[in-house]
Amino acid sequence: MFGYDLYMKYIISLTIFVFTLSPICNAASLVGRLGVGYTQHLDNGSPSLSLKLQRNRSTAIGGVFGLDSSSEGTFYTLGGKVYRYIYEEPQLNFYSALGFHLFTYQNTETEETEQGHQVNGLFGTEFSFQGLESIGFSFEFGMGLSKFQGKTHIKTLGHGLLLSAVHFYI
């Protein structure tokens, strides 16, 4: 029960934080800018580098790459995402996205390295704070199909601020 109470306090604190700071949020024009950042939204839990390039006002492309190499084996994550901006508000950019990712992981039952894949259909938003337009925070939700641990999964997805992506735009 302690874990659930802590989780609810986290959700309530995050909600208050977002609504309190929303008046100072501002969506920036990111056309032609490259975003470099971090994401951890894959089924294998691999932290990955994330790149996002907004080609024009309506589309962007992105990619992810992660690597974990040790004496136990080498695990990687490689993927891409296509974004379609639905509309802009003064404080947020709303989008839909389609992503495909390949990754390796250590199967907990057989202790062998195996390959998995994940396809996601998502809706999301990205925002930045006024005065810090070069840093974009995003969160996403939608449906996913994955092959992982020898099973095929169809599931709903919800990626919070730190699991979805944080990008610094150059």
N, C-alpha and C. Protein backbone atom coordinates (compact mmCIF):
# COMPACT_ATOMS: atom_id res chain seq x y z
N MET A 1 0.82 -1.19 0.00
CA MET A 1 0.00 0.00 0.00
C MET A 1 0.86 1.25 0.00
N PHE A 2 2.04 1.18 0.65
CA PHE A 2 2.92 2.35 0.70
C PHE A 2 3.31 2.79 -0.71
N GLY A 3 3.60 1.83 -1.60
CA GLY A 3 4.00 2.17 -2.95
C GLY A 3 2.91 2.90 -3.70
N TYR A 4 1.66 2.49 -3.54
CA TYR A 4 0.54 3.12 -4.21
C TYR A 4 0.36 4.56 -3.70
N ASP A 5 0.47 4.78 -2.38
CA ASP A 5 0.33 6.12 -1.82
C ASP A 5 1.42 7.04 -2.35
N LEU A 6 2.64 6.55 -2.42
CA LEU A 6 3.74 7.34 -2.94
C LEU A 6 3.51 7.68 -4.41
N TYR A 7 3.01 6.72 -5.18
CA TYR A 7 2.71 6.93 -6.59
C TYR A 7 1.63 8.02 -6.75
N MET A 8 0.58 7.96 -5.95
CA MET A 8 -0.50 8.95 -6.04
C MET A 8 0.02 10.35 -5.66
N LYS A 9 0.88 10.44 -4.65
CA LYS A 9 1.47 11.73 -4.28
C LYS A 9 2.31 12.29 -5.43
N TYR A 10 3.02 11.41 -6.12
CA TYR A 10 3.83 11.83 -7.27
C TYR A 10 2.93 12.38 -8.38
N ILE A 11 1.84 11.67 -8.69
CA ILE A 11 0.92 12.10 -9.74
C ILE A 11 0.27 13.44 -9.38
N ILE A 12 -0.18 13.59 -8.14
CA ILE A 12 -0.82 14.83 -7.70
C ILE A 12 0.19 15.98 -7.75
N SER A 13 1.43 15.75 -7.30
CA SER A 13 2.46 16.79 -7.33
C SER A 13 2.78 17.21 -8.76
N LEU A 14 2.88 16.24 -9.65
CA LEU A 14 3.16 16.55 -11.06
C LEU A 14 2.02 17.34 -11.69
N THR A 15 0.78 16.97 -11.38
CA THR A 15 -0.38 17.69 -11.91
C THR A 15 -0.38 19.14 -11.43
N ILE A 16 -0.13 19.35 -10.15
CA ILE A 16 -0.08 20.71 -9.60
C ILE A 16 1.06 21.49 -10.25
N PHE A 17 2.22 20.84 -10.44
CA PHE A 17 3.37 21.48 -11.07
C PHE A 17 3.04 21.94 -12.49
N VAL A 18 2.42 21.06 -13.27
CA VAL A 18 2.10 21.39 -14.67
C VAL A 18 1.08 22.51 -14.74
N PHE A 19 0.01 22.45 -13.94
CA PHE A 19 -1.01 23.49 -13.99
C PHE A 19 -0.52 24.81 -13.42
N THR A 20 0.36 24.78 -12.45
CA THR A 20 0.90 26.01 -11.87
C THR A 20 1.82 26.72 -12.86
N LEU A 21 2.62 25.96 -13.58
CA LEU A 21 3.57 26.56 -14.50
C LEU A 21 3.03 26.75 -15.91
N SER A 22 1.82 26.27 -16.19
CA SER A 22 1.30 26.36 -17.55
C SER A 22 1.19 27.78 -18.09
N PRO A 23 0.91 28.81 -17.27
CA PRO A 23 0.87 30.16 -17.82
C PRO A 23 2.21 30.64 -18.37
N ILE A 24 3.34 30.06 -17.93
CA ILE A 24 4.63 30.52 -18.43
C ILE A 24 5.19 29.57 -19.48
N CYS A 25 4.40 28.59 -19.93
CA CYS A 25 4.83 27.69 -20.99
C CYS A 25 4.61 28.37 -22.33
N ASN A 26 5.45 28.04 -23.30
CA ASN A 26 5.35 28.68 -24.59
C ASN A 26 5.90 27.75 -25.66
N ALA A 27 5.12 27.45 -26.69
CA ALA A 27 5.59 26.62 -27.78
C ALA A 27 6.48 27.46 -28.69
N ALA A 28 7.61 26.92 -29.06
CA ALA A 28 8.58 27.65 -29.88
C ALA A 28 8.50 27.17 -31.32
N SER A 29 8.89 28.02 -32.25
CA SER A 29 8.98 27.62 -33.64
C SER A 29 10.26 26.80 -33.80
N LEU A 30 10.11 25.53 -34.11
CA LEU A 30 11.26 24.63 -34.18
C LEU A 30 11.57 24.17 -35.60
N VAL A 31 10.99 24.81 -36.60
CA VAL A 31 11.20 24.41 -37.99
C VAL A 31 12.68 24.49 -38.34
N GLY A 32 13.22 23.38 -38.84
CA GLY A 32 14.62 23.32 -39.26
C GLY A 32 15.60 23.13 -38.12
N ARG A 33 15.13 22.96 -36.91
CA ARG A 33 16.03 22.80 -35.77
C ARG A 33 16.13 21.33 -35.38
N LEU A 34 17.30 20.93 -34.94
CA LEU A 34 17.56 19.57 -34.52
C LEU A 34 17.50 19.49 -33.00
N GLY A 35 16.68 18.57 -32.51
CA GLY A 35 16.58 18.35 -31.07
C GLY A 35 17.39 17.12 -30.69
N VAL A 36 18.24 17.25 -29.70
CA VAL A 36 19.06 16.15 -29.20
C VAL A 36 18.66 15.94 -27.75
N GLY A 37 18.35 14.69 -27.39
CA GLY A 37 17.89 14.48 -26.02
C GLY A 37 17.89 13.03 -25.59
N TYR A 38 16.94 12.73 -24.72
CA TYR A 38 16.88 11.47 -24.00
C TYR A 38 15.46 10.94 -24.02
N THR A 39 15.33 9.60 -24.10
CA THR A 39 14.03 8.95 -23.98
C THR A 39 14.23 7.57 -23.38
N GLN A 40 13.20 7.07 -22.74
CA GLN A 40 13.26 5.73 -22.14
C GLN A 40 11.86 5.10 -22.20
N HIS A 41 11.27 5.05 -23.39
CA HIS A 41 9.90 4.57 -23.51
C HIS A 41 9.76 3.18 -24.13
N LEU A 42 10.84 2.44 -24.25
CA LEU A 42 10.76 1.14 -24.87
C LEU A 42 10.47 0.04 -23.86
N ASP A 43 9.93 -1.07 -24.34
CA ASP A 43 9.58 -2.19 -23.46
C ASP A 43 10.79 -2.76 -22.73
N ASN A 44 11.98 -2.70 -23.33
CA ASN A 44 13.16 -3.25 -22.65
C ASN A 44 13.74 -2.28 -21.62
N GLY A 45 13.17 -1.08 -21.49
CA GLY A 45 13.61 -0.13 -20.48
C GLY A 45 14.95 0.52 -20.75
N SER A 46 15.45 0.39 -21.96
CA SER A 46 16.77 0.92 -22.30
C SER A 46 16.75 2.44 -22.43
N PRO A 47 17.59 3.15 -21.67
CA PRO A 47 17.72 4.59 -21.89
C PRO A 47 18.40 4.82 -23.23
N SER A 48 17.88 5.77 -24.00
CA SER A 48 18.38 5.98 -25.35
C SER A 48 18.55 7.46 -25.66
N LEU A 49 19.48 7.74 -26.57
CA LEU A 49 19.63 9.07 -27.12
C LEU A 49 18.53 9.25 -28.15
N SER A 50 17.97 10.45 -28.20
CA SER A 50 16.87 10.73 -29.10
C SER A 50 17.19 11.95 -29.94
N LEU A 51 16.90 11.86 -31.23
CA LEU A 51 17.06 12.98 -32.15
C LEU A 51 15.71 13.30 -32.77
N LYS A 52 15.44 14.59 -32.97
CA LYS A 52 14.17 15.00 -33.58
C LYS A 52 14.43 16.21 -34.45
N LEU A 53 14.01 16.12 -35.71
CA LEU A 53 14.19 17.22 -36.66
C LEU A 53 12.84 17.60 -37.22
N GLN A 54 12.43 18.84 -36.97
CA GLN A 54 11.15 19.32 -37.50
C GLN A 54 11.40 19.84 -38.91
N ARG A 55 10.87 19.11 -39.88
CA ARG A 55 11.11 19.44 -41.30
C ARG A 55 10.34 20.68 -41.74
N ASN A 56 9.10 20.82 -41.29
CA ASN A 56 8.27 21.98 -41.60
C ASN A 56 7.26 22.15 -40.47
N ARG A 57 6.27 23.02 -40.66
CA ARG A 57 5.31 23.28 -39.58
C ARG A 57 4.39 22.10 -39.29
N SER A 58 4.34 21.11 -40.19
CA SER A 58 3.39 20.01 -39.98
C SER A 58 4.04 18.65 -39.74
N THR A 59 5.32 18.46 -40.03
CA THR A 59 5.94 17.14 -39.86
C THR A 59 7.33 17.23 -39.23
N ALA A 60 7.69 16.14 -38.58
CA ALA A 60 9.03 15.99 -38.02
C ALA A 60 9.41 14.52 -38.10
N ILE A 61 10.70 14.25 -38.06
CA ILE A 61 11.19 12.88 -38.02
C ILE A 61 12.12 12.75 -36.80
N GLY A 62 12.19 11.54 -36.29
CA GLY A 62 13.03 11.33 -35.12
C GLY A 62 13.69 9.97 -35.15
N GLY A 63 14.69 9.82 -34.32
CA GLY A 63 15.39 8.56 -34.22
C GLY A 63 15.88 8.33 -32.81
N VAL A 64 16.06 7.07 -32.45
CA VAL A 64 16.58 6.71 -31.13
C VAL A 64 17.71 5.70 -31.28
N PHE A 65 18.70 5.83 -30.39
CA PHE A 65 19.81 4.90 -30.38
C PHE A 65 20.26 4.71 -28.93
N GLY A 66 20.38 3.45 -28.53
CA GLY A 66 20.87 3.14 -27.20
C GLY A 66 21.82 1.96 -27.27
N LEU A 67 22.82 1.93 -26.38
CA LEU A 67 23.82 0.87 -26.37
C LEU A 67 24.21 0.57 -24.93
N ASP A 68 24.30 -0.73 -24.62
CA ASP A 68 24.77 -1.18 -23.31
C ASP A 68 25.66 -2.39 -23.57
N SER A 69 26.96 -2.21 -23.45
CA SER A 69 27.90 -3.28 -23.74
C SER A 69 28.71 -3.59 -22.48
N SER A 70 28.76 -4.88 -22.15
CA SER A 70 29.54 -5.32 -20.99
C SER A 70 30.03 -6.74 -21.26
N SER A 71 30.68 -7.34 -20.27
CA SER A 71 31.17 -8.71 -20.44
C SER A 71 30.01 -9.70 -20.55
N GLU A 72 28.81 -9.31 -20.10
CA GLU A 72 27.64 -10.18 -20.19
C GLU A 72 26.99 -10.15 -21.56
N GLY A 73 27.32 -9.17 -22.38
CA GLY A 73 26.74 -9.08 -23.72
C GLY A 73 26.57 -7.65 -24.16
N THR A 74 26.15 -7.48 -25.39
CA THR A 74 25.90 -6.17 -25.96
C THR A 74 24.42 -6.07 -26.29
N PHE A 75 23.80 -5.03 -25.78
CA PHE A 75 22.38 -4.79 -26.02
C PHE A 75 22.24 -3.44 -26.71
N TYR A 76 21.35 -3.36 -27.69
CA TYR A 76 21.17 -2.11 -28.42
C TYR A 76 19.69 -1.81 -28.58
N THR A 77 19.44 -0.56 -28.91
CA THR A 77 18.11 -0.07 -29.26
C THR A 77 18.28 0.82 -30.47
N LEU A 78 17.46 0.63 -31.48
CA LEU A 78 17.53 1.42 -32.71
C LEU A 78 16.11 1.62 -33.22
N GLY A 79 15.74 2.85 -33.52
CA GLY A 79 14.37 3.08 -33.99
C GLY A 79 14.17 4.43 -34.62
N GLY A 80 12.96 4.62 -35.12
CA GLY A 80 12.59 5.88 -35.75
C GLY A 80 11.15 6.22 -35.48
N LYS A 81 10.83 7.49 -35.69
CA LYS A 81 9.48 7.96 -35.45
C LYS A 81 9.16 9.07 -36.44
N VAL A 82 7.93 9.08 -36.91
CA VAL A 82 7.44 10.14 -37.79
C VAL A 82 6.35 10.89 -37.02
N TYR A 83 6.46 12.21 -36.96
CA TYR A 83 5.52 13.05 -36.23
C TYR A 83 4.68 13.85 -37.22
N ARG A 84 3.41 13.99 -36.91
CA ARG A 84 2.51 14.83 -37.71
C ARG A 84 1.84 15.80 -36.73
N TYR A 85 2.14 17.08 -36.86
CA TYR A 85 1.58 18.07 -35.95
C TYR A 85 0.12 18.30 -36.28
N ILE A 86 -0.73 18.21 -35.26
CA ILE A 86 -2.17 18.36 -35.43
C ILE A 86 -2.53 19.84 -35.37
N TYR A 87 -2.12 20.50 -34.31
CA TYR A 87 -2.30 21.95 -34.21
C TYR A 87 -1.39 22.51 -33.12
N GLU A 88 -1.22 23.82 -33.21
CA GLU A 88 -0.39 24.53 -32.24
C GLU A 88 -1.28 25.41 -31.39
N GLU A 89 -0.94 25.50 -30.14
CA GLU A 89 -1.56 26.46 -29.25
C GLU A 89 -0.45 27.40 -28.79
N PRO A 90 -0.81 28.50 -28.18
CA PRO A 90 0.25 29.42 -27.74
C PRO A 90 1.25 28.77 -26.79
N GLN A 91 0.84 27.73 -26.07
CA GLN A 91 1.73 27.13 -25.07
C GLN A 91 2.19 25.73 -25.43
N LEU A 92 1.57 25.06 -26.40
CA LEU A 92 1.87 23.65 -26.67
C LEU A 92 1.76 23.32 -28.15
N ASN A 93 2.53 22.32 -28.58
CA ASN A 93 2.36 21.73 -29.90
C ASN A 93 1.78 20.33 -29.71
N PHE A 94 0.62 20.05 -30.32
CA PHE A 94 0.01 18.72 -30.25
C PHE A 94 0.33 17.96 -31.53
N TYR A 95 0.61 16.66 -31.41
CA TYR A 95 1.00 15.87 -32.57
C TYR A 95 0.51 14.43 -32.46
N SER A 96 0.55 13.75 -33.59
CA SER A 96 0.40 12.29 -33.62
C SER A 96 1.73 11.74 -34.11
N ALA A 97 2.02 10.49 -33.77
CA ALA A 97 3.31 9.92 -34.15
C ALA A 97 3.18 8.43 -34.39
N LEU A 98 4.02 7.92 -35.26
CA LEU A 98 4.13 6.49 -35.52
C LEU A 98 5.60 6.12 -35.37
N GLY A 99 5.89 5.17 -34.48
CA GLY A 99 7.27 4.79 -34.21
C GLY A 99 7.50 3.30 -34.38
N PHE A 100 8.72 2.93 -34.81
CA PHE A 100 9.12 1.54 -34.94
C PHE A 100 10.51 1.40 -34.33
N HIS A 101 10.69 0.38 -33.46
CA HIS A 101 11.96 0.20 -32.77
C HIS A 101 12.36 -1.27 -32.76
N LEU A 102 13.64 -1.51 -32.95
CA LEU A 102 14.25 -2.83 -32.78
C LEU A 102 15.16 -2.75 -31.57
N PHE A 103 15.22 -3.83 -30.79
CA PHE A 103 16.09 -3.83 -29.62
C PHE A 103 16.47 -5.25 -29.25
N THR A 104 17.55 -5.37 -28.50
CA THR A 104 17.92 -6.66 -27.93
C THR A 104 17.75 -6.58 -26.42
N TYR A 105 17.58 -7.73 -25.81
CA TYR A 105 17.39 -7.81 -24.36
C TYR A 105 17.80 -9.19 -23.90
N GLN A 106 17.98 -9.34 -22.61
CA GLN A 106 18.31 -10.64 -22.04
C GLN A 106 17.02 -11.29 -21.56
N ASN A 107 16.68 -12.41 -22.15
CA ASN A 107 15.47 -13.13 -21.76
C ASN A 107 15.65 -13.65 -20.34
N THR A 108 14.72 -13.32 -19.45
CA THR A 108 14.84 -13.69 -18.04
C THR A 108 14.66 -15.19 -17.83
N GLU A 109 13.98 -15.87 -18.73
CA GLU A 109 13.75 -17.31 -18.57
C GLU A 109 14.92 -18.14 -19.09
N THR A 110 15.47 -17.76 -20.25
CA THR A 110 16.53 -18.56 -20.87
C THR A 110 17.92 -17.96 -20.65
N GLU A 111 18.01 -16.73 -20.15
CA GLU A 111 19.28 -16.02 -19.93
C GLU A 111 20.05 -15.80 -21.23
N GLU A 112 19.37 -15.81 -22.36
CA GLU A 112 20.01 -15.57 -23.65
C GLU A 112 19.61 -14.21 -24.20
N THR A 113 20.46 -13.65 -25.06
CA THR A 113 20.16 -12.39 -25.72
C THR A 113 19.22 -12.65 -26.88
N GLU A 114 18.12 -11.92 -26.90
CA GLU A 114 17.12 -12.07 -27.97
C GLU A 114 16.79 -10.70 -28.54
N GLN A 115 16.15 -10.71 -29.71
CA GLN A 115 15.76 -9.46 -30.35
C GLN A 115 14.26 -9.28 -30.24
N GLY A 116 13.84 -8.04 -30.02
CA GLY A 116 12.43 -7.70 -29.96
C GLY A 116 12.15 -6.50 -30.83
N HIS A 117 10.90 -6.21 -31.04
CA HIS A 117 10.51 -5.02 -31.79
C HIS A 117 9.25 -4.42 -31.18
N GLN A 118 9.02 -3.17 -31.52
CA GLN A 118 7.90 -2.43 -30.96
C GLN A 118 7.41 -1.44 -32.00
N VAL A 119 6.09 -1.38 -32.21
CA VAL A 119 5.45 -0.41 -33.10
C VAL A 119 4.43 0.35 -32.26
N ASN A 120 4.49 1.69 -32.30
CA ASN A 120 3.60 2.52 -31.48
C ASN A 120 2.86 3.52 -32.34
N GLY A 121 1.58 3.70 -32.08
CA GLY A 121 0.76 4.78 -32.63
C GLY A 121 0.41 5.69 -31.47
N LEU A 122 0.82 6.95 -31.53
CA LEU A 122 0.75 7.82 -30.35
C LEU A 122 0.17 9.19 -30.67
N PHE A 123 -0.36 9.82 -29.64
CA PHE A 123 -0.67 11.24 -29.62
C PHE A 123 0.18 11.85 -28.52
N GLY A 124 0.59 13.10 -28.69
CA GLY A 124 1.43 13.70 -27.67
C GLY A 124 1.47 15.20 -27.77
N THR A 125 2.20 15.78 -26.86
CA THR A 125 2.40 17.22 -26.86
C THR A 125 3.83 17.53 -26.41
N GLU A 126 4.34 18.63 -26.90
CA GLU A 126 5.66 19.10 -26.50
C GLU A 126 5.54 20.57 -26.11
N PHE A 127 6.15 20.92 -24.99
CA PHE A 127 6.10 22.30 -24.53
C PHE A 127 7.47 22.73 -24.05
N SER A 128 7.65 24.05 -23.97
CA SER A 128 8.86 24.62 -23.40
C SER A 128 8.48 25.80 -22.53
N PHE A 129 9.35 26.17 -21.62
CA PHE A 129 9.09 27.29 -20.73
C PHE A 129 9.55 28.59 -21.38
N GLN A 130 8.85 29.66 -21.08
CA GLN A 130 9.21 30.96 -21.61
C GLN A 130 10.62 31.32 -21.15
N GLY A 131 11.46 31.70 -22.08
CA GLY A 131 12.85 32.01 -21.78
C GLY A 131 13.77 30.81 -21.97
N LEU A 132 13.20 29.60 -22.06
CA LEU A 132 13.97 28.37 -22.31
C LEU A 132 13.38 27.63 -23.50
N GLU A 133 13.16 28.33 -24.61
CA GLU A 133 12.51 27.74 -25.77
C GLU A 133 13.33 26.64 -26.42
N SER A 134 14.61 26.54 -26.11
CA SER A 134 15.46 25.52 -26.71
C SER A 134 15.35 24.17 -26.03
N ILE A 135 14.63 24.07 -24.91
CA ILE A 135 14.43 22.79 -24.23
C ILE A 135 12.97 22.41 -24.35
N GLY A 136 12.70 21.25 -24.97
CA GLY A 136 11.33 20.79 -25.16
C GLY A 136 11.03 19.57 -24.31
N PHE A 137 9.93 19.60 -23.58
CA PHE A 137 9.47 18.48 -22.76
C PHE A 137 8.23 17.90 -23.43
N SER A 138 8.15 16.57 -23.51
CA SER A 138 6.99 15.98 -24.15
C SER A 138 6.46 14.81 -23.36
N PHE A 139 5.20 14.49 -23.62
CA PHE A 139 4.58 13.28 -23.10
C PHE A 139 3.65 12.74 -24.16
N GLU A 140 3.43 11.42 -24.14
CA GLU A 140 2.69 10.75 -25.20
C GLU A 140 1.77 9.66 -24.62
N PHE A 141 0.74 9.33 -25.39
CA PHE A 141 -0.16 8.23 -25.05
C PHE A 141 -0.69 7.62 -26.34
N GLY A 142 -1.08 6.35 -26.28
CA GLY A 142 -1.61 5.70 -27.47
C GLY A 142 -1.64 4.20 -27.33
N MET A 143 -1.40 3.49 -28.44
CA MET A 143 -1.43 2.03 -28.49
C MET A 143 -0.10 1.53 -29.01
N GLY A 144 0.28 0.33 -28.54
CA GLY A 144 1.54 -0.26 -28.96
C GLY A 144 1.41 -1.74 -29.23
N LEU A 145 2.22 -2.23 -30.14
CA LEU A 145 2.32 -3.65 -30.46
C LEU A 145 3.79 -4.01 -30.31
N SER A 146 4.10 -5.02 -29.51
CA SER A 146 5.50 -5.38 -29.31
C SER A 146 5.67 -6.89 -29.23
N LYS A 147 6.86 -7.33 -29.60
CA LYS A 147 7.28 -8.72 -29.43
C LYS A 147 8.47 -8.67 -28.48
N PHE A 148 8.26 -9.23 -27.28
CA PHE A 148 9.23 -9.08 -26.21
C PHE A 148 9.06 -10.24 -25.25
N GLN A 149 10.15 -10.83 -24.78
CA GLN A 149 10.15 -11.98 -23.87
C GLN A 149 9.37 -13.16 -24.46
N GLY A 150 9.44 -13.32 -25.79
CA GLY A 150 8.78 -14.45 -26.44
C GLY A 150 7.28 -14.31 -26.58
N LYS A 151 6.72 -13.15 -26.25
CA LYS A 151 5.28 -12.94 -26.33
C LYS A 151 4.97 -11.71 -27.17
N THR A 152 3.80 -11.72 -27.79
CA THR A 152 3.33 -10.56 -28.52
C THR A 152 2.33 -9.82 -27.64
N HIS A 153 2.52 -8.52 -27.51
CA HIS A 153 1.69 -7.69 -26.64
C HIS A 153 1.00 -6.61 -27.46
N ILE A 154 -0.28 -6.39 -27.21
CA ILE A 154 -1.00 -5.22 -27.69
C ILE A 154 -1.45 -4.50 -26.43
N LYS A 155 -1.07 -3.23 -26.31
CA LYS A 155 -1.37 -2.55 -25.05
C LYS A 155 -1.53 -1.05 -25.23
N THR A 156 -2.17 -0.45 -24.24
CA THR A 156 -2.24 1.00 -24.20
C THR A 156 -0.93 1.53 -23.62
N LEU A 157 -0.56 2.73 -24.03
CA LEU A 157 0.70 3.33 -23.60
C LEU A 157 0.46 4.71 -23.01
N GLY A 158 1.25 5.06 -22.05
CA GLY A 158 1.27 6.40 -21.49
C GLY A 158 2.68 6.70 -21.06
N HIS A 159 3.31 7.66 -21.72
CA HIS A 159 4.70 8.00 -21.43
C HIS A 159 4.72 9.38 -20.79
N GLY A 160 5.17 9.45 -19.54
CA GLY A 160 5.26 10.71 -18.81
C GLY A 160 6.39 11.57 -19.33
N LEU A 161 6.59 12.71 -18.68
CA LEU A 161 7.57 13.69 -19.15
C LEU A 161 8.97 13.12 -19.31
N LEU A 162 9.46 12.37 -18.35
CA LEU A 162 10.84 11.88 -18.44
C LEU A 162 10.95 10.60 -19.25
N LEU A 163 9.90 9.80 -19.35
CA LEU A 163 9.98 8.59 -20.15
C LEU A 163 9.78 8.87 -21.63
N SER A 164 9.03 9.88 -21.97
CA SER A 164 8.79 10.15 -23.37
C SER A 164 10.01 10.79 -24.00
N ALA A 165 10.29 12.05 -23.69
CA ALA A 165 11.49 12.68 -24.25
C ALA A 165 11.70 14.07 -23.68
N VAL A 166 12.96 14.43 -23.60
CA VAL A 166 13.38 15.79 -23.32
C VAL A 166 14.42 16.10 -24.39
N HIS A 167 14.22 17.18 -25.14
CA HIS A 167 15.14 17.53 -26.23
C HIS A 167 15.70 18.93 -26.02
N PHE A 168 16.97 19.10 -26.38
CA PHE A 168 17.61 20.41 -26.47
C PHE A 168 17.73 20.71 -27.94
N TYR A 169 17.12 21.81 -28.39
CA TYR A 169 17.11 22.17 -29.81
C TYR A 169 18.26 23.09 -30.15
N ILE A 170 19.03 22.68 -31.15
CA ILE A 170 20.20 23.42 -31.62
C ILE A 170 19.76 24.40 -32.69
